[in-house]
PDB file of N, CA and C in Angstrom:
ATOM      1  N   MET A   1      72.668 -31.434 -39.784  1.00  0.00           N
ATOM      2  CA  MET A   1      71.330 -31.015 -40.135  1.00  0.00           C
ATOM      3  C   MET A   1      70.349 -31.306 -39.003  1.00  0.00           C
ATOM      4  N   LEU A   2      70.577 -32.392 -38.278  1.00  0.00           N
ATOM      5  CA  LEU A   2      69.688 -32.719 -37.164  1.00  0.00           C
ATOM      6  C   LEU A   2      69.710 -31.655 -36.082  1.00  0.00           C
ATOM      7  N   GLU A   3      70.787 -30.903 -36.017  1.00  0.00           N
ATOM      8  CA  GLU A   3      70.891 -29.856 -34.994  1.00  0.00           C
ATOM      9  C   GLU A   3      70.460 -28.492 -35.517  1.00  0.00           C
ATOM     10  N   GLY A   4      69.798 -28.481 -36.692  1.00  0.00           N
ATOM     11  CA  GLY A   4      69.205 -27.257 -37.206  1.00  0.00           C
ATOM     12  C   GLY A   4      70.083 -26.428 -38.116  1.00  0.00           C
ATOM     13  N   ARG A   5      71.244 -26.941 -38.497  1.00  0.00           N
ATOM     14  CA  ARG A   5      72.141 -26.182 -39.367  1.00  0.00           C
ATOM     15  C   ARG A   5      72.021 -26.658 -40.810  1.00  0.00           C
ATOM     16  N   GLU A   6      72.281 -25.738 -41.731  1.00  0.00           N
ATOM     17  CA  GLU A   6      72.392 -26.106 -43.137  1.00  0.00           C
ATOM     18  C   GLU A   6      73.746 -26.753 -43.364  1.00  0.00           C
ATOM     19  N   LEU A   7      73.819 -27.589 -44.386  1.00  0.00           N
ATOM     20  CA  LEU A   7      75.065 -28.274 -44.692  1.00  0.00           C
ATOM     21  C   LEU A   7      75.283 -28.225 -46.200  1.00  0.00           C
ATOM     22  N   THR A   8      76.475 -27.802 -46.614  1.00  0.00           N
ATOM     23  CA  THR A   8      76.860 -27.820 -48.023  1.00  0.00           C
ATOM     24  C   THR A   8      77.923 -28.897 -48.219  1.00  0.00           C
ATOM     25  N   ALA A   9      78.244 -29.174 -49.458  1.00  0.00           N
ATOM     26  CA  ALA A   9      79.237 -30.206 -49.750  1.00  0.00           C
ATOM     27  C   ALA A   9      80.578 -29.885 -49.092  1.00  0.00           C
ATOM     28  N   ILE A  10      81.011 -28.641 -49.140  1.00  0.00           N
ATOM     29  CA  ILE A  10      82.300 -28.304 -48.544  1.00  0.00           C
ATOM     30  C   ILE A  10      82.226 -28.405 -47.018  1.00  0.00           C
ATOM     31  N   ASP A  11      81.078 -28.055 -46.439  1.00  0.00           N
ATOM     32  CA  ASP A  11      80.901 -28.240 -44.992  1.00  0.00           C
ATOM     33  C   ASP A  11      81.067 -29.710 -44.629  1.00  0.00           C
ATOM     34  N   SER A  12      80.505 -30.590 -45.456  1.00  0.00           N
ATOM     35  CA  SER A  12      80.534 -32.022 -45.154  1.00  0.00           C
ATOM     36  C   SER A  12      81.947 -32.594 -45.220  1.00  0.00           C
ATOM     37  N   VAL A  13      82.806 -31.991 -46.023  1.00  0.00           N
ATOM     38  CA  VAL A  13      84.198 -32.451 -46.083  1.00  0.00           C
ATOM     39  C   VAL A  13      84.853 -32.272 -44.725  1.00  0.00           C
ATOM     40  N   PHE A  14      84.649 -31.121 -44.119  1.00  0.00           N
ATOM     41  CA  PHE A  14      85.303 -30.824 -42.849  1.00  0.00           C
ATOM     42  C   PHE A  14      84.542 -31.391 -41.647  1.00  0.00           C
ATOM     43  N   ALA A  15      83.215 -31.378 -41.695  1.00  0.00           N
ATOM     44  CA  ALA A  15      82.431 -31.834 -40.548  1.00  0.00           C
ATOM     45  C   ALA A  15      82.223 -33.343 -40.517  1.00  0.00           C
ATOM     46  N   CYS A  16      82.165 -33.956 -41.706  1.00  0.00           N
ATOM     47  CA  CYS A  16      81.790 -35.370 -41.769  1.00  0.00           C
ATOM     48  C   CYS A  16      82.788 -36.238 -42.526  1.00  0.00           C
ATOM     49  N   SER A  17      83.842 -35.629 -43.033  1.00  0.00           N
ATOM     50  CA  SER A  17      84.868 -36.355 -43.791  1.00  0.00           C
ATOM     51  C   SER A  17      84.305 -37.095 -44.995  1.00  0.00           C
ATOM     52  N   THR A  18      83.362 -36.470 -45.691  1.00  0.00           N
ATOM     53  CA  THR A  18      82.838 -37.067 -46.915  1.00  0.00           C
ATOM     54  C   THR A  18      82.742 -36.021 -48.017  1.00  0.00           C
ATOM     55  N   THR A  19      82.984 -36.455 -49.235  1.00  0.00           N
ATOM     56  CA  THR A  19      82.807 -35.585 -50.395  1.00  0.00           C
ATOM     57  C   THR A  19      81.529 -35.963 -51.147  1.00  0.00           C
ATOM     58  N   ARG A  20      80.740 -36.858 -50.564  1.00  0.00           N
ATOM     59  CA  ARG A  20      79.547 -37.372 -51.226  1.00  0.00           C
ATOM     60  C   ARG A  20      78.261 -37.000 -50.478  1.00  0.00           C
ATOM     61  N   LEU A  21      78.123 -35.727 -50.154  1.00  0.00           N
ATOM     62  CA  LEU A  21      76.962 -35.291 -49.387  1.00  0.00           C
ATOM     63  C   LEU A  21      75.656 -35.574 -50.108  1.00  0.00           C
ATOM     64  N   ALA A  22      75.591 -35.354 -51.405  1.00  0.00           N
ATOM     65  CA  ALA A  22      74.344 -35.598 -52.137  1.00  0.00           C
ATOM     66  C   ALA A  22      73.909 -37.056 -51.994  1.00  0.00           C
ATOM     67  N   SER A  23      74.868 -37.965 -52.017  1.00  0.00           N
ATOM     68  CA  SER A  23      74.558 -39.381 -51.846  1.00  0.00           C
ATOM     69  C   SER A  23      74.041 -39.660 -50.440  1.00  0.00           C
ATOM     70  N   VAL A  24      74.661 -39.055 -49.444  1.00  0.00           N
ATOM     71  CA  VAL A  24      74.221 -39.227 -48.059  1.00  0.00           C
ATOM     72  C   VAL A  24      72.803 -38.675 -47.890  1.00  0.00           C
ATOM     73  N   VAL A  25      72.540 -37.510 -48.457  1.00  0.00           N
ATOM     74  CA  VAL A  25      71.216 -36.892 -48.375  1.00  0.00           C
ATOM     75  C   VAL A  25      70.177 -37.805 -49.023  1.00  0.00           C
ATOM     76  N   HIS A  26      70.502 -38.339 -50.176  1.00  0.00           N
ATOM     77  CA  HIS A  26      69.589 -39.255 -50.869  1.00  0.00           C
ATOM     78  C   HIS A  26      69.289 -40.478 -49.991  1.00  0.00           C
ATOM     79  N   GLU A  27      70.317 -41.042 -49.408  1.00  0.00           N
ATOM     80  CA  GLU A  27      70.153 -42.238 -48.580  1.00  0.00           C
ATOM     81  C   GLU A  27      69.344 -41.940 -47.313  1.00  0.00           C
ATOM     82  N   LEU A  28      69.560 -40.788 -46.698  1.00  0.00           N
ATOM     83  CA  LEU A  28      68.779 -40.420 -45.516  1.00  0.00           C
ATOM     84  C   LEU A  28      67.294 -40.289 -45.849  1.00  0.00           C
ATOM     85  N   GLY A  29      67.013 -39.681 -46.990  1.00  0.00           N
ATOM     86  CA  GLY A  29      65.622 -39.552 -47.409  1.00  0.00           C
ATOM     87  C   GLY A  29      64.994 -40.903 -47.690  1.00  0.00           C
ATOM     88  N   LYS A  30      65.749 -41.760 -48.358  1.00  0.00           N
ATOM     89  CA  LYS A  30      65.261 -43.089 -48.713  1.00  0.00           C
ATOM     90  C   LYS A  30      65.085 -43.974 -47.471  1.00  0.00           C
ATOM     91  N   ARG A  31      66.092 -43.992 -46.608  1.00  0.00           N
ATOM     92  CA  ARG A  31      66.089 -44.892 -45.448  1.00  0.00           C
ATOM     93  C   ARG A  31      65.121 -44.448 -44.354  1.00  0.00           C
ATOM     94  N   HIS A  32      65.054 -43.123 -44.096  1.00  0.00           N
ATOM     95  CA  HIS A  32      64.252 -42.632 -42.974  1.00  0.00           C
ATOM     96  C   HIS A  32      62.982 -41.902 -43.409  1.00  0.00           C
ATOM     97  N   GLY A  33      62.831 -41.664 -44.706  1.00  0.00           N
ATOM     98  CA  GLY A  33      61.656 -40.953 -45.191  1.00  0.00           C
ATOM     99  C   GLY A  33      61.680 -39.465 -44.888  1.00  0.00           C
ATOM    100  N   TRP A  34      62.869 -38.943 -44.573  1.00  0.00           N
ATOM    101  CA  TRP A  34      62.977 -37.523 -44.247  1.00  0.00           C
ATOM    102  C   TRP A  34      62.858 -36.679 -45.510  1.00  0.00           C
ATOM    103  N   ARG A  35      62.126 -35.577 -45.397  1.00  0.00           N
ATOM    104  CA  ARG A  35      62.072 -34.611 -46.490  1.00  0.00           C
ATOM    105  C   ARG A  35      63.199 -33.619 -46.232  1.00  0.00           C
ATOM    106  N   ILE A  36      64.234 -33.726 -47.042  1.00  0.00           N
ATOM    107  CA  ILE A  36      65.409 -32.874 -46.866  1.00  0.00           C
ATOM    108  C   ILE A  36      65.280 -31.684 -47.814  1.00  0.00           C
ATOM    109  N   GLU A  37      65.303 -30.495 -47.230  1.00  0.00           N
ATOM    110  CA  GLU A  37      65.140 -29.280 -48.018  1.00  0.00           C
ATOM    111  C   GLU A  37      66.455 -28.929 -48.702  1.00  0.00           C
ATOM    112  N   ARG A  38      66.331 -28.397 -49.907  1.00  0.00           N
ATOM    113  CA  ARG A  38      67.491 -27.995 -50.703  1.00  0.00           C
ATOM    114  C   ARG A  38      67.323 -26.542 -51.114  1.00  0.00           C
ATOM    115  N   ARG A  39      68.410 -25.794 -51.019  1.00  0.00           N
ATOM    116  CA  ARG A  39      68.382 -24.384 -51.402  1.00  0.00           C
ATOM    117  C   ARG A  39      69.656 -24.071 -52.157  1.00  0.00           C
ATOM    118  N   ASP A  40      69.499 -23.533 -53.377  1.00  0.00           N
ATOM    119  CA  ASP A  40      70.675 -23.092 -54.134  1.00  0.00           C
ATOM    120  C   ASP A  40      71.203 -21.813 -53.511  1.00  0.00           C
ATOM    121  N   GLN A  41      72.522 -21.772 -53.349  1.00  0.00           N
ATOM    122  CA  GLN A  41      73.159 -20.655 -52.652  1.00  0.00           C
ATOM    123  C   GLN A  41      74.343 -20.176 -53.487  1.00  0.00           C
ATOM    124  N   PRO A  42      74.351 -18.913 -53.912  1.00  0.00           N
ATOM    125  CA  PRO A  42      75.507 -18.407 -54.649  1.00  0.00           C
ATOM    126  C   PRO A  42      76.689 -18.188 -53.711  1.00  0.00           C
ATOM    127  N   VAL A  43      77.876 -18.547 -54.168  1.00  0.00           N
ATOM    128  CA  VAL A  43      79.099 -18.314 -53.397  1.00  0.00           C
ATOM    129  C   VAL A  43      80.163 -17.728 -54.316  1.00  0.00           C
ATOM    130  N   ASP A  44      80.949 -16.835 -53.783  1.00  0.00           N
ATOM    131  CA  ASP A  44      82.040 -16.243 -54.555  1.00  0.00           C
ATOM    132  C   ASP A  44      83.240 -17.189 -54.539  1.00  0.00           C
ATOM    133  N   THR A  45      83.913 -17.304 -55.679  1.00  0.00           N
ATOM    134  CA  THR A  45      85.102 -18.143 -55.767  1.00  0.00           C
ATOM    135  C   THR A  45      86.346 -17.263 -55.683  1.00  0.00           C
ATOM    136  N   THR A  46      87.484 -17.887 -55.461  1.00  0.00           N
ATOM    137  CA  THR A  46      88.725 -17.124 -55.321  1.00  0.00           C
ATOM    138  C   THR A  46      89.169 -16.499 -56.629  1.00  0.00           C
ATOM    139  N   ASP A  47      88.666 -17.000 -57.772  1.00  0.00           N
ATOM    140  CA  ASP A  47      89.062 -16.422 -59.058  1.00  0.00           C
ATOM    141  C   ASP A  47      88.059 -15.392 -59.578  1.00  0.00           C
ATOM    142  N   GLY A  48      87.125 -14.970 -58.720  1.00  0.00           N
ATOM    143  CA  GLY A  48      86.214 -13.894 -59.075  1.00  0.00           C
ATOM    144  C   GLY A  48      84.864 -14.339 -59.621  1.00  0.00           C
ATOM    145  N   ARG A  49      84.705 -15.611 -59.893  1.00  0.00           N
ATOM    146  CA  ARG A  49      83.411 -16.095 -60.386  1.00  0.00           C
ATOM    147  C   ARG A  49      82.441 -16.260 -59.231  1.00  0.00           C
ATOM    148  N   THR A  50      81.178 -16.462 -59.593  1.00  0.00           N
ATOM    149  CA  THR A  50      80.168 -16.845 -58.613  1.00  0.00           C
ATOM    150  C   THR A  50      79.694 -18.233 -58.996  1.00  0.00           C
ATOM    151  N   ALA A  51      79.751 -19.147 -58.043  1.00  0.00           N
ATOM    152  CA  ALA A  51      79.282 -20.511 -58.269  1.00  0.00           C
ATOM    153  C   ALA A  51      78.020 -20.718 -57.432  1.00  0.00           C
ATOM    154  N   THR A  52      77.262 -21.739 -57.777  1.00  0.00           N
ATOM    155  CA  THR A  52      76.068 -22.073 -57.021  1.00  0.00           C
ATOM    156  C   THR A  52      76.273 -23.424 -56.356  1.00  0.00           C
ATOM    157  N   VAL A  53      76.049 -23.465 -55.054  1.00  0.00           N
ATOM    158  CA  VAL A  53      76.133 -24.723 -54.311  1.00  0.00           C
ATOM    159  C   VAL A  53      74.764 -24.994 -53.698  1.00  0.00           C
ATOM    160  N   THR A  54      74.543 -26.237 -53.345  1.00  0.00           N
ATOM    161  CA  THR A  54      73.285 -26.606 -52.700  1.00  0.00           C
ATOM    162  C   THR A  54      73.500 -26.697 -51.200  1.00  0.00           C
ATOM    163  N   ALA A  55      72.615 -26.044 -50.464  1.00  0.00           N
ATOM    164  CA  ALA A  55      72.614 -26.125 -49.004  1.00  0.00           C
ATOM    165  C   ALA A  55      71.436 -27.011 -48.601  1.00  0.00           C
ATOM    166  N   TYR A  56      71.706 -28.020 -47.784  1.00  0.00           N
ATOM    167  CA  TYR A  56      70.691 -28.972 -47.341  1.00  0.00           C
ATOM    168  C   TYR A  56      70.316 -28.671 -45.902  1.00  0.00           C
ATOM    169  N   SER A  57      69.042 -28.890 -45.571  1.00  0.00           N
ATOM    170  CA  SER A  57      68.593 -28.690 -44.195  1.00  0.00           C
ATOM    171  C   SER A  57      67.359 -29.545 -43.932  1.00  0.00           C
ATOM    172  N   LEU A  58      67.046 -29.672 -42.652  1.00  0.00           N
ATOM    173  CA  LEU A  58      65.851 -30.392 -42.219  1.00  0.00           C
ATOM    174  C   LEU A  58      64.924 -29.401 -41.526  1.00  0.00           C
ATOM    175  N   SER A  59      63.643 -29.506 -41.805  1.00  0.00           N
ATOM    176  CA  SER A  59      62.674 -28.634 -41.139  1.00  0.00           C
ATOM    177  C   SER A  59      62.575 -29.025 -39.666  1.00  0.00           C
ATOM    178  N   ALA A  60      62.012 -28.140 -38.879  1.00  0.00           N
ATOM    179  CA  ALA A  60      61.834 -28.408 -37.452  1.00  0.00           C
ATOM    180  C   ALA A  60      60.966 -29.647 -37.247  1.00  0.00           C
ATOM    181  N   ASP A  61      59.955 -29.841 -38.066  1.00  0.00           N
ATOM    182  CA  ASP A  61      59.077 -31.012 -37.933  1.00  0.00           C
ATOM    183  C   ASP A  61      59.841 -32.308 -38.179  1.00  0.00           C
ATOM    184  N   VAL A  62      60.701 -32.321 -39.196  1.00  0.00           N
ATOM    185  CA  VAL A  62      61.481 -33.521 -39.500  1.00  0.00           C
ATOM    186  C   VAL A  62      62.464 -33.802 -38.368  1.00  0.00           C
ATOM    187  N   ARG A  63      63.135 -32.761 -37.875  1.00  0.00           N
ATOM    188  CA  ARG A  63      64.070 -32.947 -36.763  1.00  0.00           C
ATOM    189  C   ARG A  63      63.355 -33.479 -35.522  1.00  0.00           C
ATOM    190  N   GLU A  64      62.184 -32.927 -35.226  1.00  0.00           N
ATOM    191  CA  GLU A  64      61.419 -33.372 -34.066  1.00  0.00           C
ATOM    192  C   GLU A  64      61.042 -34.852 -34.193  1.00  0.00           C
ATOM    193  N   ALA A  65      60.597 -35.259 -35.364  1.00  0.00           N
ATOM    194  CA  ALA A  65      60.234 -36.667 -35.588  1.00  0.00           C
ATOM    195  C   ALA A  65      61.463 -37.567 -35.461  1.00  0.00           C
ATOM    196  N   ALA A  66      62.596 -37.104 -35.988  1.00  0.00           N
ATOM    197  CA  ALA A  66      63.834 -37.888 -35.902  1.00  0.00           C
ATOM    198  C   ALA A  66      64.258 -38.074 -34.447  1.00  0.00           C
ATOM    199  N   PHE A  67      64.210 -37.015 -33.664  1.00  0.00           N
ATOM    200  CA  PHE A  67      64.598 -37.114 -32.259  1.00  0.00           C
ATOM    201  C   PHE A  67      63.610 -37.983 -31.476  1.00  0.00           C
ATOM    202  N   ALA A  68      62.332 -37.921 -31.837  1.00  0.00           N
ATOM    203  CA  ALA A  68      61.331 -38.753 -31.169  1.00  0.00           C
ATOM    204  C   ALA A  68      61.588 -40.240 -31.421  1.00  0.00           C
ATOM    205  N   SER A  69      62.267 -40.544 -32.536  1.00  0.00           N
ATOM    206  CA  SER A  69      62.545 -41.952 -32.840  1.00  0.00           C
ATOM    207  C   SER A  69      63.980 -42.354 -32.518  1.00  0.00           C
ATOM    208  N   GLY A  70      64.675 -41.552 -31.688  1.00  0.00           N
ATOM    209  CA  GLY A  70      65.973 -41.974 -31.182  1.00  0.00           C
ATOM    210  C   GLY A  70      67.198 -41.313 -31.771  1.00  0.00           C
ATOM    211  N   ALA A  71      67.037 -40.281 -32.565  1.00  0.00           N
ATOM    212  CA  ALA A  71      68.187 -39.645 -33.210  1.00  0.00           C
ATOM    213  C   ALA A  71      69.136 -38.977 -32.214  1.00  0.00           C
ATOM    214  N   ARG A  72      68.634 -38.471 -31.102  1.00  0.00           N
ATOM    215  CA  ARG A  72      69.505 -37.780 -30.135  1.00  0.00           C
ATOM    216  C   ARG A  72      70.577 -38.715 -29.608  1.00  0.00           C
ATOM    217  N   ALA A  73      70.204 -39.942 -29.257  1.00  0.00           N
ATOM    218  CA  ALA A  73      71.194 -40.904 -28.757  1.00  0.00           C
ATOM    219  C   ALA A  73      72.244 -41.192 -29.824  1.00  0.00           C
ATOM    220  N   TRP A  74      71.815 -41.309 -31.062  1.00  0.00           N
ATOM    221  CA  TRP A  74      72.743 -41.583 -32.158  1.00  0.00           C
ATOM    222  C   TRP A  74      73.713 -40.417 -32.350  1.00  0.00           C
ATOM    223  N   VAL A  75      73.198 -39.192 -32.340  1.00  0.00           N
ATOM    224  CA  VAL A  75      74.049 -38.009 -32.492  1.00  0.00           C
ATOM    225  C   VAL A  75      75.082 -37.965 -31.372  1.00  0.00           C
ATOM    226  N   ASP A  76      74.653 -38.218 -30.147  1.00  0.00           N
ATOM    227  CA  ASP A  76      75.575 -38.199 -29.016  1.00  0.00           C
ATOM    228  C   ASP A  76      76.653 -39.278 -29.152  1.00  0.00           C
ATOM    229  N   GLU A  77      76.269 -40.466 -29.609  1.00  0.00           N
ATOM    230  CA  GLU A  77      77.240 -41.553 -29.814  1.00  0.00           C
ATOM    231  C   GLU A  77      78.270 -41.181 -30.881  1.00  0.00           C
ATOM    232  N   VAL A  78      77.829 -40.565 -31.951  1.00  0.00           N
ATOM    233  CA  VAL A  78      78.743 -40.150 -33.022  1.00  0.00           C
ATOM    234  C   VAL A  78      79.732 -39.113 -32.502  1.00  0.00           C
ATOM    235  N   LYS A  79      79.254 -38.153 -31.730  1.00  0.00           N
ATOM    236  CA  LYS A  79      80.141 -37.125 -31.182  1.00  0.00           C
ATOM    237  C   LYS A  79      81.214 -37.736 -30.288  1.00  0.00           C
ATOM    238  N   VAL A  80      80.837 -38.680 -29.454  1.00  0.00           N
ATOM    239  CA  VAL A  80      81.803 -39.360 -28.577  1.00  0.00           C
ATOM    240  C   VAL A  80      82.809 -40.132 -29.405  1.00  0.00           C
ATOM    241  N   ALA A  81      82.334 -40.870 -30.407  1.00  0.00           N
ATOM    242  CA  ALA A  81      83.229 -41.666 -31.252  1.00  0.00           C
ATOM    243  C   ALA A  81      84.217 -40.770 -32.010  1.00  0.00           C
ATOM    244  N   ARG A  82      83.750 -39.643 -32.519  1.00  0.00           N
ATOM    245  CA  ARG A  82      84.654 -38.723 -33.236  1.00  0.00           C
ATOM    246  C   ARG A  82      85.701 -38.145 -32.286  1.00  0.00           C
ATOM    247  N   ALA A  83      85.284 -37.768 -31.094  1.00  0.00           N
ATOM    248  CA  ALA A  83      86.231 -37.212 -30.120  1.00  0.00           C
ATOM    249  C   ALA A  83      87.274 -38.255 -29.746  1.00  0.00           C
ATOM    250  N   THR A  84      86.854 -39.494 -29.593  1.00  0.00           N
ATOM    251  CA  THR A  84      87.782 -40.576 -29.265  1.00  0.00           C
ATOM    252  C   THR A  84      88.791 -40.778 -30.385  1.00  0.00           C
ATOM    253  N   ARG A  85      88.334 -40.769 -31.624  1.00  0.00           N
ATOM    254  CA  ARG A  85      89.235 -40.940 -32.765  1.00  0.00           C
ATOM    255  C   ARG A  85      90.232 -39.789 -32.875  1.00  0.00           C
ATOM    256  N   ARG A  86      89.745 -38.555 -32.629  1.00  0.00           N
ATOM    257  CA  ARG A  86      90.637 -37.386 -32.712  1.00  0.00           C
ATOM    258  C   ARG A  86      91.713 -37.443 -31.636  1.00  0.00           C
ATOM    259  N   ASN A  87      91.393 -38.044 -30.513  1.00  0.00           N
ATOM    260  CA  ASN A  87      92.338 -38.109 -29.403  1.00  0.00           C
ATOM    261  C   ASN A  87      93.166 -39.388 -29.413  1.00  0.00           C
ATOM    262  N   GLY A  88      93.146 -40.087 -30.538  1.00  0.00           N
ATOM    263  CA  GLY A  88      93.995 -41.264 -30.701  1.00  0.00           C
ATOM    264  C   GLY A  88      93.461 -42.536 -30.091  1.00  0.00           C
ATOM    265  N   GLY A  89      92.172 -42.556 -29.783  1.00  0.00           N
ATOM    266  CA  GLY A  89      91.607 -43.732 -29.116  1.00  0.00           C
ATOM    267  C   GLY A  89      90.967 -44.671 -30.005  1.00  0.00           C
TER     268      GLY A  89
END
């Protein structure tokens, strides 16, 4: 979300290895005071139904404030740590 993308629960499973995105979103809002935007998004299921999922995002103002307080360094550190773990380090 800090890089301007929306994130859904299924996205978070693959991108962040968590099934508890709503909890993470709640904690980010509580800990950092970020206003996290939520948008209901219809998605088609494999059995023909339509389900509704929540897509979370941060406004440009929130992202700018986060980066001004050091978020860029944190994001870069996380990316390095994930790459190291994927490569067996």
